[in-house]
Amino acid sequence: MSAPTPIDHLKAGSEILLRVLEPYGFSFNQGATGVGSGGGFASGTFVRGDRIIEVHFRYSLGLVSYRIGEAVIDHENYLRFAGYWSERRYPGFSSTPMDGFTALAHDLSAFFTDFMTGTGEQFKGVVAAYAANPSRYKGFSALGRK
């Protein structure tokens, strides 16, 4: 039996995330897959209208980004600019490929209510704060900054 591929892991991980997202009308769409210089990869999106969550998997869950219309931000910057960074579970250390998906499911439930069910105004406000100062949490000067 061969080892699971990134596509296999992404499909299994999408089931974890759909437990949180499907009740709010999100559906999963398989995205790009292939093999690059860093190995196999797979991506996909969870979509409801103009709201999109994009996920990427290589050896573990990688980039996660969110979109409402033209407002776009990645998971890490959203959590930093919304003030949830110290409470987050994703990204973190994982011992299995599914750990990242479980951690992301927690973060979605805990910090993304406005994105999943609200008007999106809070989400757009966080995106605007990020756009106004994208370097706020970068470099040594940002260590410890809240």
N, C-alpha and C. Protein backbone atom coordinates (compact mmCIF):
# COMPACT_ATOMS: atom_id res chain seq x y z
N MET A 1 0.84 -1.18 0.00
CA MET A 1 0.00 0.00 0.00
C MET A 1 0.89 1.24 0.00
N SER A 2 0.59 2.18 -0.85
CA SER A 2 1.41 3.38 -0.95
C SER A 2 1.02 4.41 0.10
N ALA A 3 1.94 5.30 0.38
CA ALA A 3 1.70 6.36 1.36
C ALA A 3 0.64 7.32 0.84
N PRO A 4 -0.13 7.94 1.75
CA PRO A 4 -1.13 8.91 1.31
C PRO A 4 -0.47 10.08 0.57
N THR A 5 -1.14 10.57 -0.43
CA THR A 5 -0.67 11.70 -1.21
C THR A 5 -1.18 13.00 -0.59
N PRO A 6 -0.64 14.14 -1.02
CA PRO A 6 -1.20 15.41 -0.56
C PRO A 6 -2.70 15.54 -0.86
N ILE A 7 -3.14 14.98 -1.98
CA ILE A 7 -4.57 15.03 -2.30
C ILE A 7 -5.36 14.24 -1.26
N ASP A 8 -4.86 13.06 -0.88
CA ASP A 8 -5.52 12.25 0.15
C ASP A 8 -5.61 13.02 1.46
N HIS A 9 -4.51 13.64 1.86
CA HIS A 9 -4.49 14.40 3.11
C HIS A 9 -5.44 15.59 3.03
N LEU A 10 -5.45 16.29 1.91
CA LEU A 10 -6.33 17.45 1.77
C LEU A 10 -7.80 17.02 1.84
N LYS A 11 -8.14 15.94 1.19
CA LYS A 11 -9.52 15.44 1.24
C LYS A 11 -9.92 15.09 2.67
N ALA A 12 -9.04 14.37 3.38
CA ALA A 12 -9.33 14.02 4.77
C ALA A 12 -9.42 15.27 5.64
N GLY A 13 -8.52 16.21 5.43
CA GLY A 13 -8.55 17.46 6.19
C GLY A 13 -9.78 18.29 5.89
N SER A 14 -10.23 18.26 4.64
CA SER A 14 -11.43 19.04 4.27
C SER A 14 -12.65 18.51 5.02
N GLU A 15 -12.68 17.22 5.30
CA GLU A 15 -13.80 16.65 6.07
C GLU A 15 -13.82 17.22 7.49
N ILE A 16 -12.64 17.40 8.08
CA ILE A 16 -12.55 18.00 9.41
C ILE A 16 -13.08 19.43 9.36
N LEU A 17 -12.66 20.20 8.37
CA LEU A 17 -13.08 21.60 8.27
C LEU A 17 -14.55 21.73 7.90
N LEU A 18 -15.06 20.80 7.11
CA LEU A 18 -16.48 20.87 6.73
C LEU A 18 -17.40 20.69 7.92
N ARG A 19 -16.95 20.02 8.96
CA ARG A 19 -17.77 19.90 10.18
C ARG A 19 -18.08 21.27 10.76
N VAL A 20 -17.16 22.21 10.59
CA VAL A 20 -17.36 23.58 11.06
C VAL A 20 -18.05 24.42 9.99
N LEU A 21 -17.65 24.27 8.74
CA LEU A 21 -18.07 25.18 7.68
C LEU A 21 -19.39 24.81 7.00
N GLU A 22 -19.66 23.54 6.84
CA GLU A 22 -20.86 23.12 6.10
C GLU A 22 -22.16 23.63 6.72
N PRO A 23 -22.30 23.67 8.05
CA PRO A 23 -23.54 24.21 8.62
C PRO A 23 -23.81 25.67 8.21
N TYR A 24 -22.78 26.37 7.79
CA TYR A 24 -22.93 27.77 7.36
C TYR A 24 -23.00 27.90 5.84
N GLY A 25 -23.15 26.78 5.15
CA GLY A 25 -23.36 26.81 3.71
C GLY A 25 -22.11 26.74 2.86
N PHE A 26 -20.95 26.50 3.46
CA PHE A 26 -19.71 26.40 2.68
C PHE A 26 -19.60 25.01 2.06
N SER A 27 -19.07 24.96 0.85
CA SER A 27 -18.79 23.69 0.19
C SER A 27 -17.32 23.68 -0.22
N PHE A 28 -16.78 22.47 -0.38
CA PHE A 28 -15.36 22.32 -0.71
C PHE A 28 -15.18 22.06 -2.19
N ASN A 29 -14.20 22.72 -2.79
CA ASN A 29 -13.82 22.51 -4.18
C ASN A 29 -12.33 22.19 -4.25
N GLN A 30 -12.00 21.07 -4.87
CA GLN A 30 -10.59 20.70 -5.08
C GLN A 30 -9.95 21.73 -6.00
N GLY A 31 -8.73 22.13 -5.67
CA GLY A 31 -8.00 23.10 -6.48
C GLY A 31 -6.84 22.45 -7.19
N ALA A 32 -5.78 23.22 -7.34
CA ALA A 32 -4.59 22.75 -8.06
C ALA A 32 -3.89 21.64 -7.29
N THR A 33 -3.36 20.68 -8.03
CA THR A 33 -2.55 19.60 -7.47
C THR A 33 -1.37 19.37 -8.40
N GLY A 34 -0.34 18.76 -7.87
CA GLY A 34 0.80 18.45 -8.73
C GLY A 34 2.04 18.17 -7.92
N VAL A 35 3.16 18.19 -8.62
CA VAL A 35 4.46 17.97 -7.99
C VAL A 35 5.36 19.11 -8.42
N GLY A 36 5.91 19.81 -7.44
CA GLY A 36 6.84 20.90 -7.71
C GLY A 36 8.20 20.57 -7.15
N SER A 37 9.07 21.55 -7.10
CA SER A 37 10.43 21.33 -6.62
C SER A 37 10.45 20.89 -5.16
N GLY A 38 9.41 21.23 -4.40
CA GLY A 38 9.35 20.84 -2.99
C GLY A 38 8.54 19.58 -2.75
N GLY A 39 8.10 18.93 -3.81
CA GLY A 39 7.32 17.71 -3.66
C GLY A 39 5.87 17.91 -4.08
N GLY A 40 5.06 16.92 -3.77
CA GLY A 40 3.65 16.96 -4.13
C GLY A 40 2.90 18.01 -3.34
N PHE A 41 1.83 18.54 -3.93
CA PHE A 41 1.01 19.54 -3.26
C PHE A 41 -0.43 19.41 -3.71
N ALA A 42 -1.32 19.97 -2.92
CA ALA A 42 -2.74 20.03 -3.27
C ALA A 42 -3.33 21.27 -2.62
N SER A 43 -4.32 21.84 -3.27
CA SER A 43 -5.00 23.00 -2.72
C SER A 43 -6.49 22.87 -2.95
N GLY A 44 -7.24 23.67 -2.23
CA GLY A 44 -8.68 23.66 -2.40
C GLY A 44 -9.29 24.89 -1.79
N THR A 45 -10.58 25.08 -2.04
CA THR A 45 -11.29 26.23 -1.50
C THR A 45 -12.60 25.77 -0.86
N PHE A 46 -12.98 26.50 0.16
CA PHE A 46 -14.30 26.37 0.77
C PHE A 46 -15.03 27.64 0.38
N VAL A 47 -16.19 27.50 -0.23
CA VAL A 47 -16.86 28.66 -0.85
C VAL A 47 -18.30 28.76 -0.37
N ARG A 48 -18.71 29.99 -0.10
CA ARG A 48 -20.11 30.34 0.09
C ARG A 48 -20.29 31.75 -0.48
N GLY A 49 -20.90 31.84 -1.63
CA GLY A 49 -21.07 33.14 -2.27
C GLY A 49 -19.74 33.79 -2.54
N ASP A 50 -19.55 35.03 -2.03
CA ASP A 50 -18.29 35.74 -2.26
C ASP A 50 -17.27 35.49 -1.14
N ARG A 51 -17.56 34.54 -0.28
CA ARG A 51 -16.65 34.19 0.83
C ARG A 51 -15.88 32.93 0.46
N ILE A 52 -14.57 33.03 0.54
CA ILE A 52 -13.71 31.93 0.12
C ILE A 52 -12.61 31.72 1.16
N ILE A 53 -12.40 30.47 1.53
CA ILE A 53 -11.25 30.07 2.34
C ILE A 53 -10.40 29.18 1.45
N GLU A 54 -9.16 29.57 1.24
CA GLU A 54 -8.25 28.79 0.39
C GLU A 54 -7.22 28.11 1.28
N VAL A 55 -7.01 26.80 1.05
CA VAL A 55 -6.05 26.04 1.85
C VAL A 55 -5.06 25.33 0.93
N HIS A 56 -3.83 25.19 1.42
CA HIS A 56 -2.76 24.53 0.67
C HIS A 56 -2.12 23.46 1.54
N PHE A 57 -1.81 22.32 0.94
CA PHE A 57 -1.19 21.22 1.66
C PHE A 57 0.00 20.70 0.86
N ARG A 58 1.12 20.51 1.55
CA ARG A 58 2.28 19.84 0.95
C ARG A 58 2.62 18.66 1.85
N TYR A 59 3.33 18.87 2.92
CA TYR A 59 3.60 17.81 3.90
C TYR A 59 2.74 18.01 5.14
N SER A 60 2.17 19.20 5.23
CA SER A 60 1.23 19.56 6.29
C SER A 60 0.40 20.72 5.76
N LEU A 61 -0.59 21.11 6.52
CA LEU A 61 -1.40 22.25 6.11
C LEU A 61 -0.50 23.48 6.08
N GLY A 62 -0.56 24.23 5.01
CA GLY A 62 0.29 25.41 4.84
C GLY A 62 -0.52 26.68 4.82
N LEU A 63 -0.38 27.43 3.74
CA LEU A 63 -1.05 28.72 3.62
C LEU A 63 -2.56 28.57 3.68
N VAL A 64 -3.19 29.40 4.51
CA VAL A 64 -4.64 29.50 4.59
C VAL A 64 -4.97 30.97 4.40
N SER A 65 -5.87 31.28 3.48
CA SER A 65 -6.26 32.67 3.27
C SER A 65 -7.77 32.78 3.14
N TYR A 66 -8.25 34.00 3.37
CA TYR A 66 -9.68 34.29 3.41
C TYR A 66 -9.99 35.44 2.46
N ARG A 67 -11.19 35.39 1.89
CA ARG A 67 -11.62 36.44 0.97
C ARG A 67 -13.11 36.68 1.13
N ILE A 68 -13.46 37.95 1.21
CA ILE A 68 -14.84 38.39 1.02
C ILE A 68 -14.75 39.47 -0.04
N GLY A 69 -15.27 39.20 -1.21
CA GLY A 69 -15.16 40.15 -2.31
C GLY A 69 -13.70 40.44 -2.60
N GLU A 70 -13.32 41.71 -2.49
CA GLU A 70 -11.93 42.11 -2.75
C GLU A 70 -11.07 42.11 -1.49
N ALA A 71 -11.67 41.90 -0.32
CA ALA A 71 -10.93 41.90 0.95
C ALA A 71 -10.29 40.53 1.16
N VAL A 72 -8.95 40.50 1.19
CA VAL A 72 -8.20 39.24 1.27
C VAL A 72 -7.13 39.36 2.36
N ILE A 73 -6.98 38.29 3.14
CA ILE A 73 -5.93 38.25 4.16
C ILE A 73 -5.60 36.79 4.47
N ASP A 74 -4.36 36.54 4.88
CA ASP A 74 -3.98 35.18 5.27
C ASP A 74 -4.32 34.97 6.75
N HIS A 75 -4.35 33.71 7.15
CA HIS A 75 -4.76 33.32 8.50
C HIS A 75 -3.91 34.00 9.57
N GLU A 76 -2.60 33.95 9.41
CA GLU A 76 -1.71 34.49 10.44
C GLU A 76 -1.90 35.99 10.62
N ASN A 77 -1.95 36.74 9.54
CA ASN A 77 -2.13 38.19 9.67
C ASN A 77 -3.52 38.54 10.20
N TYR A 78 -4.54 37.79 9.82
CA TYR A 78 -5.86 38.05 10.38
C TYR A 78 -5.81 37.92 11.90
N LEU A 79 -5.23 36.83 12.39
CA LEU A 79 -5.19 36.61 13.83
C LEU A 79 -4.37 37.68 14.54
N ARG A 80 -3.27 38.09 13.95
CA ARG A 80 -2.45 39.14 14.56
C ARG A 80 -3.21 40.46 14.63
N PHE A 81 -3.77 40.88 13.52
CA PHE A 81 -4.43 42.19 13.46
C PHE A 81 -5.78 42.20 14.18
N ALA A 82 -6.39 41.04 14.36
CA ALA A 82 -7.65 40.96 15.11
C ALA A 82 -7.41 40.79 16.61
N GLY A 83 -6.15 40.56 17.00
CA GLY A 83 -5.82 40.43 18.41
C GLY A 83 -5.97 39.03 18.99
N TYR A 84 -6.01 38.02 18.14
CA TYR A 84 -6.20 36.64 18.60
C TYR A 84 -4.94 35.79 18.53
N TRP A 85 -3.82 36.37 18.16
CA TRP A 85 -2.62 35.57 17.89
C TRP A 85 -2.25 34.66 19.06
N SER A 86 -2.28 35.17 20.27
CA SER A 86 -1.85 34.36 21.41
C SER A 86 -2.84 33.26 21.76
N GLU A 87 -4.06 33.33 21.23
CA GLU A 87 -5.09 32.33 21.51
C GLU A 87 -5.22 31.28 20.41
N ARG A 88 -4.53 31.46 19.32
CA ARG A 88 -4.71 30.60 18.15
C ARG A 88 -4.11 29.22 18.39
N ARG A 89 -4.61 28.26 17.59
CA ARG A 89 -4.02 26.92 17.59
C ARG A 89 -3.30 26.65 16.28
N TYR A 90 -3.71 27.35 15.22
CA TYR A 90 -3.04 27.19 13.92
C TYR A 90 -2.43 28.52 13.53
N PRO A 91 -1.21 28.59 13.05
CA PRO A 91 -0.29 27.47 12.89
C PRO A 91 0.34 27.11 14.23
N GLY A 92 0.78 25.88 14.28
CA GLY A 92 1.44 25.37 15.48
C GLY A 92 2.22 24.13 15.11
N PHE A 93 2.69 23.45 16.11
CA PHE A 93 3.44 22.22 15.87
C PHE A 93 2.45 21.07 15.73
N SER A 94 2.74 20.16 14.80
CA SER A 94 1.85 19.02 14.61
C SER A 94 2.66 17.74 14.48
N SER A 95 2.07 16.66 14.95
CA SER A 95 2.74 15.37 14.85
C SER A 95 2.14 14.50 13.74
N THR A 96 0.95 14.87 13.26
CA THR A 96 0.34 14.16 12.14
C THR A 96 -0.14 15.18 11.11
N PRO A 97 -0.32 14.79 9.88
CA PRO A 97 -0.79 15.73 8.85
C PRO A 97 -2.17 16.32 9.15
N MET A 98 -2.98 15.64 9.95
CA MET A 98 -4.33 16.13 10.25
C MET A 98 -4.37 17.14 11.39
N ASP A 99 -3.30 17.22 12.18
CA ASP A 99 -3.29 18.14 13.33
C ASP A 99 -3.54 19.58 12.91
N GLY A 100 -2.96 20.00 11.80
CA GLY A 100 -3.17 21.37 11.34
C GLY A 100 -4.62 21.65 11.01
N PHE A 101 -5.31 20.68 10.42
CA PHE A 101 -6.73 20.86 10.09
C PHE A 101 -7.58 20.95 11.35
N THR A 102 -7.25 20.13 12.35
CA THR A 102 -7.98 20.17 13.62
C THR A 102 -7.78 21.52 14.30
N ALA A 103 -6.54 22.00 14.29
CA ALA A 103 -6.24 23.31 14.88
C ALA A 103 -6.96 24.43 14.13
N LEU A 104 -6.97 24.36 12.80
CA LEU A 104 -7.66 25.37 12.01
C LEU A 104 -9.16 25.34 12.27
N ALA A 105 -9.73 24.15 12.42
CA ALA A 105 -11.17 24.05 12.72
C ALA A 105 -11.47 24.78 14.03
N HIS A 106 -10.60 24.63 15.02
CA HIS A 106 -10.78 25.36 16.28
C HIS A 106 -10.75 26.86 16.04
N ASP A 107 -9.74 27.33 15.32
CA ASP A 107 -9.62 28.77 15.06
C ASP A 107 -10.83 29.32 14.31
N LEU A 108 -11.32 28.57 13.34
CA LEU A 108 -12.50 29.02 12.60
C LEU A 108 -13.67 29.20 13.54
N SER A 109 -13.90 28.23 14.42
CA SER A 109 -15.02 28.31 15.36
C SER A 109 -14.84 29.44 16.36
N ALA A 110 -13.62 29.65 16.80
CA ALA A 110 -13.36 30.63 17.86
C ALA A 110 -13.24 32.06 17.36
N PHE A 111 -12.68 32.29 16.16
CA PHE A 111 -12.30 33.64 15.77
C PHE A 111 -12.89 34.13 14.45
N PHE A 112 -13.61 33.31 13.74
CA PHE A 112 -14.07 33.69 12.40
C PHE A 112 -15.59 33.68 12.27
N THR A 113 -16.29 33.95 13.37
CA THR A 113 -17.75 33.97 13.32
C THR A 113 -18.25 35.00 12.32
N ASP A 114 -17.67 36.19 12.34
CA ASP A 114 -18.12 37.23 11.41
C ASP A 114 -17.90 36.80 9.97
N PHE A 115 -16.79 36.14 9.70
CA PHE A 115 -16.52 35.67 8.34
C PHE A 115 -17.53 34.62 7.92
N MET A 116 -17.84 33.69 8.82
CA MET A 116 -18.71 32.57 8.46
C MET A 116 -20.18 32.94 8.45
N THR A 117 -20.61 33.77 9.42
CA THR A 117 -22.05 33.99 9.58
C THR A 117 -22.47 35.45 9.62
N GLY A 118 -21.54 36.36 9.82
CA GLY A 118 -21.89 37.76 10.01
C GLY A 118 -21.93 38.56 8.73
N THR A 119 -21.91 39.86 8.91
CA THR A 119 -21.96 40.78 7.77
C THR A 119 -20.63 40.86 7.04
N GLY A 120 -19.55 40.49 7.72
CA GLY A 120 -18.21 40.61 7.14
C GLY A 120 -17.56 41.94 7.44
N GLU A 121 -18.25 42.82 8.15
CA GLU A 121 -17.69 44.14 8.43
C GLU A 121 -16.48 44.06 9.36
N GLN A 122 -16.54 43.21 10.38
CA GLN A 122 -15.37 43.06 11.26
C GLN A 122 -14.20 42.52 10.46
N PHE A 123 -14.45 41.51 9.65
CA PHE A 123 -13.40 40.92 8.80
C PHE A 123 -12.78 42.00 7.92
N LYS A 124 -13.61 42.78 7.26
CA LYS A 124 -13.11 43.83 6.36
C LYS A 124 -12.34 44.89 7.13
N GLY A 125 -12.73 45.16 8.36
CA GLY A 125 -11.99 46.10 9.19
C GLY A 125 -10.59 45.61 9.51
N VAL A 126 -10.47 44.32 9.79
CA VAL A 126 -9.16 43.72 10.05
C VAL A 126 -8.31 43.77 8.79
N VAL A 127 -8.90 43.46 7.65
CA VAL A 127 -8.17 43.52 6.37
C VAL A 127 -7.69 44.95 6.11
N ALA A 128 -8.53 45.94 6.40
CA ALA A 128 -8.14 47.35 6.20
C ALA A 128 -6.99 47.73 7.13
N ALA A 129 -7.02 47.27 8.38
CA ALA A 129 -5.93 47.56 9.31
C ALA A 129 -4.63 46.94 8.82
N TYR A 130 -4.70 45.74 8.29
CA TYR A 130 -3.52 45.08 7.73
C TYR A 130 -3.01 45.85 6.52
N ALA A 131 -3.90 46.25 5.63
CA ALA A 131 -3.50 46.98 4.42
C ALA A 131 -2.85 48.31 4.77
N ALA A 132 -3.27 48.94 5.86
CA ALA A 132 -2.72 50.23 6.26
C ALA A 132 -1.31 50.10 6.85
N ASN A 133 -0.97 48.94 7.39
CA ASN A 133 0.33 48.77 8.03
C ASN A 133 0.76 47.30 7.96
N PRO A 134 1.03 46.77 6.77
CA PRO A 134 1.33 45.34 6.64
C PRO A 134 2.62 44.90 7.33
N SER A 135 3.50 45.82 7.69
CA SER A 135 4.76 45.46 8.34
C SER A 135 4.68 45.52 9.86
N ARG A 136 3.52 45.79 10.41
CA ARG A 136 3.38 45.98 11.85
C ARG A 136 3.95 44.82 12.66
N TYR A 137 3.75 43.61 12.21
CA TYR A 137 4.19 42.43 12.96
C TYR A 137 5.36 41.73 12.30
N LYS A 138 6.23 42.48 11.65
CA LYS A 138 7.39 41.90 10.98
C LYS A 138 8.67 42.45 11.59
N GLY A 139 9.71 41.65 11.61
CA GLY A 139 11.02 42.10 12.07
C GLY A 139 11.15 42.09 13.58
N PHE A 140 12.35 42.39 14.05
CA PHE A 140 12.65 42.37 15.47
C PHE A 140 11.84 43.39 16.26
N SER A 141 11.54 44.52 15.66
CA SER A 141 10.80 45.55 16.39
C SER A 141 9.39 45.09 16.74
N ALA A 142 8.89 44.08 16.05
CA ALA A 142 7.54 43.60 16.29
C ALA A 142 7.47 42.55 17.40
N LEU A 143 8.60 42.05 17.86
CA LEU A 143 8.58 41.03 18.90
C LEU A 143 7.85 41.55 20.12
N GLY A 144 6.87 40.82 20.55
CA GLY A 144 6.12 41.22 21.73
C GLY A 144 5.05 42.26 21.48
N ARG A 145 4.96 42.79 20.29
CA ARG A 145 3.96 43.81 19.98
C ARG A 145 2.58 43.18 19.95
N LYS A 146 1.62 43.87 20.49
CA LYS A 146 0.23 43.39 20.48
C LYS A 146 -0.62 44.25 19.60
